[in-house]
Amino acid sequence: MEDQRPLKEIFQRYINNECTQAEIEFLLGHFKTDSNESALREIIAEKLNEYPIEDIAQSPVKKQSFDEIFNNILVKIDNENAAEENEEIKPVPYRSLAYKLLATVIVLLMVFQGFYIYLKPANKTGNAIAKTKRFKTTILPGSNKAILTLQDGSKIVLNDVKNGTLAQQGNTKVVKLATGQLVYDKTGTASAKVLYNTMTTPRGGQYKLTLPDGTEVWLNAASSITYPTAFVGNERDVSITGEVYFEVAKDKSKPFHVTSGSQTIEVLGTHFNVMAYADEDAIKTTLLEGSVKITENNETQILKPGEQATVDKNGGLKISVADLDNALAWKNGYFKFNRVNIKYIMRQLARWYDVDLVYEGSVSHDEFVGKIGRGENIEDVLHILELDRVHFKIEDKKIIVLP
């Protein structure tokens, strides 16, 4: 049977209201599947057995069976969930099995202690409750930073410069807004000469850009986009590396093309995400709205909203149903892992926290499920991962992954 000790430790901290938001989300993710429900029930039963018989005998639920208590509380949680459906921020879907199970055990324990509260994750804004420091080094999460390379090769570090006009590119001004966003302001008739700029985010950086046609672009860490400072002619062409999310301005007279490696995406106006990191196994294009045409070598497919196109290293193109929440997690401020291995997770962390990776010994083949805020310090994230039989050391900006 799987060693439940790490889970029991974090579960006890949950009961004591000592969990960080990341730990709460780990628990919710771990117990999300039916296969893990039995493990949670075992932990519930063990916790209940810690209370003296006389305490249970005096409790309001002394004559009810465990399953009766369990089911009755699920009904109550459902009723309270219905009243909260309009809440803007929800750490996880409140109707998920995992949430109900965790809420249930907390209610049970509170009842046996002589009082009742309806407990849900309290740190909705992601503020962590202080806990014992596990690592000596603190590595902060990424932030808004990027480098703009102009047509003449000169570079502007965007997070270091003041707001306002940064450069003149032909008849277009490059402007940094008070929000930190970069926009292009056309001041006259477009020049016949096409000038190109490139925005690049380093590891530990992200940035938002508005292209000359009004298309909005979000760059994840270690990504880039090359584009003209004015779209002339009958097409709008850009190229990217890394991961980029687009909300393309509609213009039926000028199709919008995105090139990433050997893949080309053609759109008129739509919302989509492209993940094209060189160290990943495939290029993934996920469509939220509109319609796009994916071309890989001589193969073409039309993508519909809610679908994902995957181009593997061998050039094969496959269409599947997308996990939209997972694909857009980075843009929405968190990591989401759905049955992925530790190396996949560590590649994402290395980009966002700007760290190097070293693997010592055999690497765990376990698959991870969970959701962690990108605002967490890396030691909090590693602490969560250590609950699943993997360990780490931090040396300066290097993470050593241990069995």
Protein backbone atom coordinates (compact mmCIF):
# COMPACT_ATOMS: atom_id res chain seq x y z
CA MET A 1 0.00 0.00 0.00
CA GLU A 2 1.21 3.52 -0.77
CA ASP A 3 2.90 5.31 2.11
CA GLN A 4 0.34 7.83 3.36
CA ARG A 5 2.63 9.61 5.83
CA PRO A 6 3.36 12.71 3.72
CA LEU A 7 -0.34 13.11 2.97
CA LYS A 8 -1.20 12.71 6.63
CA GLU A 9 1.29 15.42 7.55
CA ILE A 10 -0.14 17.97 5.16
CA PHE A 11 -3.66 16.87 6.05
CA GLN A 12 -2.96 17.58 9.71
CA ARG A 13 -1.69 21.03 8.78
CA TYR A 14 -4.92 21.55 6.84
CA ILE A 15 -6.92 20.69 9.95
CA ASN A 16 -4.75 23.07 11.99
CA ASN A 17 -5.28 25.83 9.41
CA GLU A 18 -1.51 25.92 8.77
CA CYS A 19 -1.52 25.04 5.05
CA THR A 20 -0.38 27.36 2.33
CA GLN A 21 -2.73 27.85 -0.61
CA ALA A 22 -0.40 25.66 -2.66
CA GLU A 23 -0.70 22.80 -0.15
CA ILE A 24 -4.49 23.09 -0.12
CA GLU A 25 -4.59 22.93 -3.91
CA PHE A 26 -2.26 19.91 -3.85
CA LEU A 27 -4.67 18.06 -1.55
CA LEU A 28 -7.61 18.93 -3.75
CA GLY A 29 -5.76 17.75 -6.82
CA HIS A 30 -4.52 14.52 -5.21
CA PHE A 31 -7.96 13.45 -4.03
CA LYS A 32 -9.71 14.54 -7.22
CA THR A 33 -9.92 11.03 -8.65
CA ASP A 34 -12.20 8.27 -7.42
CA SER A 35 -9.20 5.97 -6.98
CA ASN A 36 -7.90 8.17 -4.17
CA GLU A 37 -11.22 8.47 -2.33
CA SER A 38 -10.55 5.29 -0.34
CA ALA A 39 -7.21 6.70 0.86
CA LEU A 40 -8.93 9.84 2.10
CA ARG A 41 -11.62 7.82 3.84
CA GLU A 42 -8.86 5.89 5.64
CA ILE A 43 -7.30 9.12 6.84
CA ILE A 44 -10.73 10.38 7.95
CA ALA A 45 -11.37 7.22 9.93
CA GLU A 46 -7.93 7.37 11.52
CA LYS A 47 -8.47 10.97 12.59
CA LEU A 48 -11.86 10.17 14.06
CA ASN A 49 -10.31 7.32 16.05
CA GLU A 50 -8.00 9.83 17.74
CA TYR A 51 -10.95 11.18 19.71
CA PRO A 52 -11.86 9.47 23.02
CA ILE A 53 -15.01 7.38 22.98
CA GLU A 54 -16.63 9.62 25.60
CA ASP A 55 -16.14 12.66 23.35
CA ILE A 56 -17.83 10.90 20.45
CA ALA A 57 -20.63 9.67 22.69
CA GLN A 58 -21.42 13.28 23.64
CA SER A 59 -21.32 14.56 20.09
CA PRO A 60 -24.49 15.58 18.18
CA VAL A 61 -23.90 12.80 15.67
CA LYS A 62 -23.31 9.91 18.10
CA LYS A 63 -26.22 7.82 16.75
CA GLN A 64 -25.41 8.24 13.09
CA SER A 65 -23.21 5.97 11.02
CA PHE A 66 -20.11 7.32 9.30
CA ASP A 67 -21.71 7.06 5.86
CA GLU A 68 -24.89 8.81 7.04
CA ILE A 69 -22.82 11.70 8.38
CA PHE A 70 -20.73 11.77 5.24
CA ASN A 71 -23.71 11.85 2.86
CA ASN A 72 -25.68 14.38 4.92
CA ILE A 73 -22.77 16.80 4.92
CA LEU A 74 -22.31 16.42 1.15
CA VAL A 75 -25.93 17.50 0.70
CA LYS A 76 -25.35 20.53 2.90
CA ILE A 77 -22.19 21.46 1.00
CA ASP A 78 -24.11 21.22 -2.29
CA ASN A 79 -26.76 23.58 -0.94
CA GLU A 80 -24.16 26.09 0.21
CA ASN A 81 -22.31 25.81 -3.09
CA ALA A 82 -25.46 26.78 -4.98
CA ALA A 83 -25.64 30.00 -2.99
CA GLU A 84 -22.01 30.80 -3.82
CA GLU A 85 -22.03 30.16 -7.58
CA ASN A 86 -21.64 33.85 -8.35
CA GLU A 87 -18.39 34.21 -6.40
CA GLU A 88 -15.68 35.54 -8.71
CA ILE A 89 -12.76 33.66 -7.16
CA LYS A 90 -12.84 29.91 -6.57
CA PRO A 91 -9.60 28.07 -5.79
CA VAL A 92 -11.06 24.88 -7.29
CA PRO A 93 -14.51 23.86 -8.59
CA TYR A 94 -16.60 23.74 -5.43
CA ARG A 95 -18.65 20.81 -6.68
CA SER A 96 -15.65 18.54 -7.22
CA LEU A 97 -15.45 15.28 -5.30
CA ALA A 98 -12.12 16.33 -3.82
CA TYR A 99 -13.50 19.52 -2.31
CA LYS A 100 -16.52 17.76 -0.86
CA LEU A 101 -14.38 15.06 0.73
CA LEU A 102 -12.02 17.53 2.35
CA ALA A 103 -14.82 19.77 3.53
CA THR A 104 -16.60 16.72 4.93
CA VAL A 105 -13.72 15.54 7.06
CA ILE A 106 -13.19 19.01 8.48
CA VAL A 107 -16.87 19.23 9.39
CA LEU A 108 -16.77 15.79 11.01
CA LEU A 109 -13.75 16.67 13.10
CA MET A 110 -15.24 19.96 14.18
CA VAL A 111 -18.49 18.24 15.16
CA PHE A 112 -16.60 15.76 17.31
CA GLN A 113 -14.82 18.66 18.97
CA GLY A 114 -18.18 20.07 20.00
CA PHE A 115 -18.80 22.81 17.45
CA TYR A 116 -19.61 23.19 13.75
CA ILE A 117 -18.12 25.39 11.07
CA TYR A 118 -18.29 25.20 7.31
CA LEU A 119 -14.64 25.38 6.32
CA LYS A 120 -13.33 26.05 2.84
CA PRO A 121 -9.85 27.17 1.74
CA ALA A 122 -9.49 30.54 3.40
CA ASN A 123 -6.56 31.98 1.46
CA LYS A 124 -8.42 32.79 -1.74
CA THR A 125 -5.95 35.47 -2.67
CA GLY A 126 -3.07 33.04 -2.38
CA ASN A 127 -1.57 34.46 0.83
CA ALA A 128 0.44 31.74 2.50
CA ILE A 129 0.24 31.03 6.23
CA ALA A 130 3.70 30.97 7.81
CA LYS A 131 5.28 27.56 8.27
CA THR A 132 8.64 26.06 9.03
CA LYS A 133 11.19 27.02 6.38
CA ARG A 134 12.27 23.92 4.46
CA PHE A 135 15.04 25.41 2.28
CA LYS A 136 17.71 27.96 3.15
CA THR A 137 17.50 29.75 -0.21
CA THR A 138 14.48 31.78 -1.28
CA ILE A 139 13.85 31.91 -5.03
CA LEU A 140 11.13 34.36 -6.00
CA PRO A 141 8.66 33.77 -8.84
CA GLY A 142 8.89 35.48 -12.21
CA SER A 143 7.49 38.92 -13.03
CA ASN A 144 6.77 41.26 -15.94
CA LYS A 145 10.04 41.72 -17.81
CA ALA A 146 11.15 41.54 -21.41
CA ILE A 147 13.68 42.87 -23.91
CA LEU A 148 12.63 44.69 -27.07
CA THR A 149 15.03 44.42 -30.02
CA LEU A 150 14.52 47.15 -32.63
CA GLN A 151 15.14 46.98 -36.40
CA ASP A 152 18.66 48.39 -36.01
CA GLY A 153 19.60 45.76 -33.42
CA SER A 154 19.46 48.06 -30.40
CA LYS A 155 17.83 46.60 -27.30
CA ILE A 156 15.51 48.10 -24.69
CA VAL A 157 15.06 46.39 -21.32
CA LEU A 158 11.37 47.10 -20.85
CA ASN A 159 11.20 46.59 -17.10
CA ASP A 160 13.98 49.20 -16.59
CA VAL A 161 12.66 52.07 -18.76
CA LYS A 162 10.12 54.74 -17.85
CA ASN A 163 6.63 54.87 -19.33
CA GLY A 164 6.08 56.83 -22.54
CA THR A 165 7.50 56.77 -26.06
CA LEU A 166 10.51 54.46 -26.28
CA ALA A 167 11.37 54.61 -29.96
CA GLN A 168 10.21 55.68 -33.42
CA GLN A 169 10.03 52.85 -35.96
CA GLY A 170 9.13 54.29 -39.35
CA ASN A 171 5.80 56.06 -38.86
CA THR A 172 5.03 54.10 -35.71
CA LYS A 173 5.81 55.07 -32.11
CA VAL A 174 6.71 52.36 -29.62
CA VAL A 175 4.97 53.30 -26.35
CA LYS A 176 5.16 51.81 -22.87
CA LEU A 177 1.89 52.37 -20.98
CA ALA A 178 1.51 52.99 -17.26
CA THR A 179 0.34 49.38 -16.94
CA GLY A 180 3.71 48.23 -18.31
CA GLN A 181 2.13 47.01 -21.53
CA LEU A 182 3.83 47.81 -24.84
CA VAL A 183 1.77 49.27 -27.72
CA TYR A 184 2.46 50.58 -31.23
CA ASP A 185 0.94 53.95 -32.16
CA LYS A 186 0.81 54.70 -35.89
CA THR A 187 1.43 58.41 -36.47
CA GLY A 188 0.87 58.61 -40.22
CA THR A 189 0.77 56.66 -43.46
CA ALA A 190 2.63 53.39 -43.15
CA SER A 191 6.09 53.37 -44.72
CA ALA A 192 6.67 51.13 -47.71
CA LYS A 193 9.70 49.71 -45.94
CA VAL A 194 8.81 46.95 -43.49
CA LEU A 195 10.60 47.23 -40.15
CA TYR A 196 10.67 44.34 -37.67
CA ASN A 197 10.87 44.26 -33.88
CA THR A 198 11.33 41.28 -31.59
CA MET A 199 10.10 41.02 -28.03
CA THR A 200 11.82 38.38 -25.89
CA THR A 201 11.00 37.32 -22.36
CA PRO A 202 13.81 35.76 -20.31
CA ARG A 203 13.37 32.87 -17.94
CA GLY A 204 11.50 34.33 -15.00
CA GLY A 205 9.68 36.86 -17.18
CA GLN A 206 6.35 37.42 -18.91
CA TYR A 207 4.95 40.37 -20.86
CA LYS A 208 1.93 41.72 -22.70
CA LEU A 209 2.12 43.44 -26.07
CA THR A 210 -0.37 45.07 -28.41
CA LEU A 211 0.62 44.74 -32.06
CA PRO A 212 0.10 47.56 -34.59
CA ASP A 213 -3.23 46.05 -35.75
CA GLY A 214 -4.63 45.89 -32.20
CA THR A 215 -3.93 42.19 -31.69
CA GLU A 216 -3.13 41.50 -28.04
CA VAL A 217 -0.29 39.12 -27.24
CA TRP A 218 0.82 37.57 -23.94
CA LEU A 219 4.29 35.99 -23.77
CA ASN A 220 5.12 33.31 -21.23
CA ALA A 221 8.64 32.93 -19.81
CA ALA A 222 11.51 32.16 -22.22
CA SER A 223 9.45 33.13 -25.27
CA SER A 224 9.69 35.54 -28.19
CA ILE A 225 7.67 37.09 -30.99
CA THR A 226 8.98 38.80 -34.13
CA TYR A 227 6.57 41.14 -35.94
CA PRO A 228 6.45 44.17 -38.26
CA THR A 229 5.99 47.60 -36.73
CA ALA A 230 3.20 48.16 -39.27
CA PHE A 231 1.20 45.55 -41.16
CA VAL A 232 1.35 46.44 -44.85
CA GLY A 233 0.10 44.39 -47.76
CA ASN A 234 -2.58 41.73 -47.63
CA GLU A 235 -1.31 39.59 -44.73
CA ARG A 236 -0.25 39.89 -41.11
CA ASP A 237 2.71 37.59 -40.38
CA VAL A 238 4.49 36.98 -37.07
CA SER A 239 6.77 34.23 -35.78
CA ILE A 240 7.15 32.94 -32.24
CA THR A 241 9.17 30.70 -29.96
CA GLY A 242 8.19 29.43 -26.53
CA GLU A 243 4.58 29.98 -25.45
CA VAL A 244 2.32 32.82 -26.59
CA TYR A 245 -1.39 33.57 -26.22
CA PHE A 246 -3.14 35.62 -28.93
CA GLU A 247 -6.35 37.62 -29.13
CA VAL A 248 -6.25 38.51 -32.81
CA ALA A 249 -7.94 41.69 -34.05
CA LYS A 250 -10.52 40.86 -36.72
CA ASP A 251 -9.64 41.88 -40.26
CA LYS A 252 -11.12 39.67 -43.00
CA SER A 253 -9.02 41.41 -45.64
CA LYS A 254 -5.74 40.49 -43.89
CA PRO A 255 -5.34 36.93 -42.61
CA PHE A 256 -3.12 36.62 -39.53
CA HIS A 257 -0.33 34.02 -39.73
CA VAL A 258 1.71 32.65 -36.82
CA THR A 259 4.80 30.58 -37.62
CA SER A 260 6.36 28.34 -34.96
CA GLY A 261 8.97 25.92 -36.22
CA SER A 262 7.53 24.10 -39.24
CA GLN A 263 3.94 24.87 -38.22
CA THR A 264 1.87 27.74 -39.61
CA ILE A 265 -1.42 28.95 -38.12
CA GLU A 266 -3.81 31.06 -40.20
CA VAL A 267 -6.63 33.05 -38.57
CA LEU A 268 -8.90 36.01 -39.26
CA GLY A 269 -9.77 36.89 -35.68
CA THR A 270 -9.66 34.52 -32.76
CA HIS A 271 -8.27 33.60 -29.33
CA PHE A 272 -5.71 30.84 -29.11
CA ASN A 273 -2.58 29.67 -27.30
CA VAL A 274 0.58 28.24 -28.88
CA MET A 275 3.10 26.26 -26.81
CA ALA A 276 6.23 25.72 -28.91
CA TYR A 277 9.17 25.34 -26.53
CA ALA A 278 12.15 23.63 -28.14
CA ASP A 279 12.65 21.33 -25.13
CA GLU A 280 9.08 19.99 -25.20
CA ASP A 281 8.01 16.93 -27.17
CA ALA A 282 5.42 18.72 -29.30
CA ILE A 283 3.96 22.04 -30.42
CA LYS A 284 0.46 22.48 -29.02
CA THR A 285 -2.07 24.97 -30.35
CA THR A 286 -5.24 25.40 -28.28
CA LEU A 287 -8.26 27.27 -29.64
CA LEU A 288 -10.68 29.13 -27.38
CA GLU A 289 -12.68 31.18 -29.85
CA GLY A 290 -13.07 31.46 -33.62
CA SER A 291 -11.43 29.15 -36.12
CA VAL A 292 -7.84 28.51 -37.19
CA LYS A 293 -6.16 26.51 -39.93
CA ILE A 294 -3.08 24.54 -38.89
CA THR A 295 -0.56 23.59 -41.57
CA GLU A 296 2.32 21.22 -40.81
CA ASN A 297 4.40 20.26 -43.82
CA ASN A 298 1.74 19.26 -46.38
CA GLU A 299 -1.00 18.45 -43.88
CA THR A 300 -3.75 20.95 -43.00
CA GLN A 301 -6.42 20.75 -40.31
CA ILE A 302 -9.16 23.17 -39.23
CA LEU A 303 -9.29 23.68 -35.47
CA LYS A 304 -12.61 24.42 -33.73
CA PRO A 305 -13.12 26.06 -30.32
CA GLY A 306 -12.26 23.68 -27.51
CA GLU A 307 -9.81 21.67 -29.62
CA GLN A 308 -6.05 21.31 -29.49
CA ALA A 309 -3.65 20.57 -32.35
CA THR A 310 -0.49 18.65 -31.45
CA VAL A 311 2.50 18.48 -33.77
CA ASP A 312 5.07 15.97 -32.52
CA LYS A 313 8.80 15.88 -33.21
CA ASN A 314 8.22 13.65 -36.24
CA GLY A 315 5.85 16.15 -37.82
CA GLY A 316 2.61 14.25 -37.14
CA LEU A 317 -0.48 16.44 -36.68
CA LYS A 318 -3.23 15.30 -34.31
CA ILE A 319 -6.45 17.03 -33.20
CA SER A 320 -7.96 16.32 -29.76
CA VAL A 321 -10.33 17.81 -27.20
CA ALA A 322 -8.46 20.50 -25.25
CA ASP A 323 -8.15 20.98 -21.51
CA LEU A 324 -8.61 24.75 -21.73
CA ASP A 325 -7.96 25.37 -18.05
CA ASN A 326 -4.69 23.50 -18.29
CA ALA A 327 -3.56 25.21 -21.52
CA LEU A 328 -4.23 28.71 -20.17
CA ALA A 329 -3.08 28.13 -16.59
CA TRP A 330 0.13 30.14 -17.11
CA LYS A 331 -1.76 33.17 -18.44
CA ASN A 332 -4.24 33.00 -15.56
CA GLY A 333 -1.52 32.94 -12.92
CA TYR A 334 -1.00 29.33 -11.93
CA PHE A 335 0.49 25.99 -12.87
CA LYS A 336 -1.88 23.13 -13.56
CA PHE A 337 -0.66 19.56 -13.85
CA ASN A 338 -2.90 16.79 -15.12
CA ARG A 339 -1.14 13.41 -14.98
CA VAL A 340 2.32 14.67 -15.93
CA ASN A 341 5.76 13.49 -14.83
CA ILE A 342 8.25 15.34 -12.67
CA LYS A 343 10.49 16.33 -15.60
CA TYR A 344 7.60 18.11 -17.33
CA ILE A 345 6.83 19.98 -14.11
CA MET A 346 10.45 20.93 -13.51
CA ARG A 347 10.82 22.34 -17.03
CA GLN A 348 7.94 24.71 -16.32
CA LEU A 349 9.39 25.70 -12.96
CA ALA A 350 12.85 26.27 -14.45
CA ARG A 351 11.43 28.76 -16.97
CA TRP A 352 9.32 30.67 -14.46
CA TYR A 353 11.78 30.77 -11.56
CA ASP A 354 14.90 31.09 -13.75
CA VAL A 355 16.70 28.11 -12.25
CA ASP A 356 18.90 25.34 -13.60
CA LEU A 357 18.04 21.68 -13.11
CA VAL A 358 20.20 18.74 -12.11
CA TYR A 359 18.90 15.19 -11.69
CA GLU A 360 20.67 12.83 -9.31
CA GLY A 361 19.71 9.16 -9.12
CA SER A 362 16.64 7.59 -10.66
CA VAL A 363 13.80 9.95 -11.50
CA SER A 364 10.31 9.22 -10.24
CA HIS A 365 7.90 7.99 -12.92
CA ASP A 366 4.88 9.00 -10.85
CA GLU A 367 2.28 11.22 -12.51
CA PHE A 368 1.22 14.39 -10.76
CA VAL A 369 -2.15 16.11 -10.57
CA GLY A 370 -2.53 19.51 -9.01
CA LYS A 371 -2.78 23.27 -9.25
CA ILE A 372 -0.26 25.72 -7.77
CA GLY A 373 -0.20 29.51 -7.96
CA ARG A 374 2.67 31.07 -9.94
CA GLY A 375 3.02 33.67 -7.18
CA GLU A 376 4.39 31.10 -4.73
CA ASN A 377 8.09 31.09 -3.87
CA ILE A 378 9.76 28.04 -5.32
CA GLU A 379 10.43 26.43 -1.94
CA ASP A 380 6.67 26.28 -1.32
CA VAL A 381 6.14 24.59 -4.68
CA LEU A 382 8.94 22.08 -4.06
CA HIS A 383 7.53 21.33 -0.63
CA ILE A 384 4.27 20.29 -2.28
CA LEU A 385 6.05 18.06 -4.76
CA GLU A 386 8.00 16.40 -1.95
CA LEU A 387 4.74 14.96 -0.65
CA ASP A 388 4.83 12.54 -3.58
CA ARG A 389 8.12 10.72 -3.06
CA VAL A 390 10.49 13.15 -4.76
CA HIS A 391 13.01 15.39 -3.01
CA PHE A 392 15.04 18.49 -3.77
CA LYS A 393 18.05 20.53 -2.79
CA ILE A 394 18.57 24.19 -3.69
CA GLU A 395 22.08 25.49 -4.36
CA ASP A 396 22.02 29.15 -5.39
CA LYS A 397 19.94 29.13 -8.61
CA LYS A 398 20.19 25.38 -9.11
CA ILE A 399 17.54 22.82 -8.19
CA ILE A 400 18.82 19.30 -7.60
CA VAL A 401 16.12 16.65 -8.06
CA LEU A 402 16.63 13.59 -5.85
CA PRO A 403 14.84 10.22 -5.55
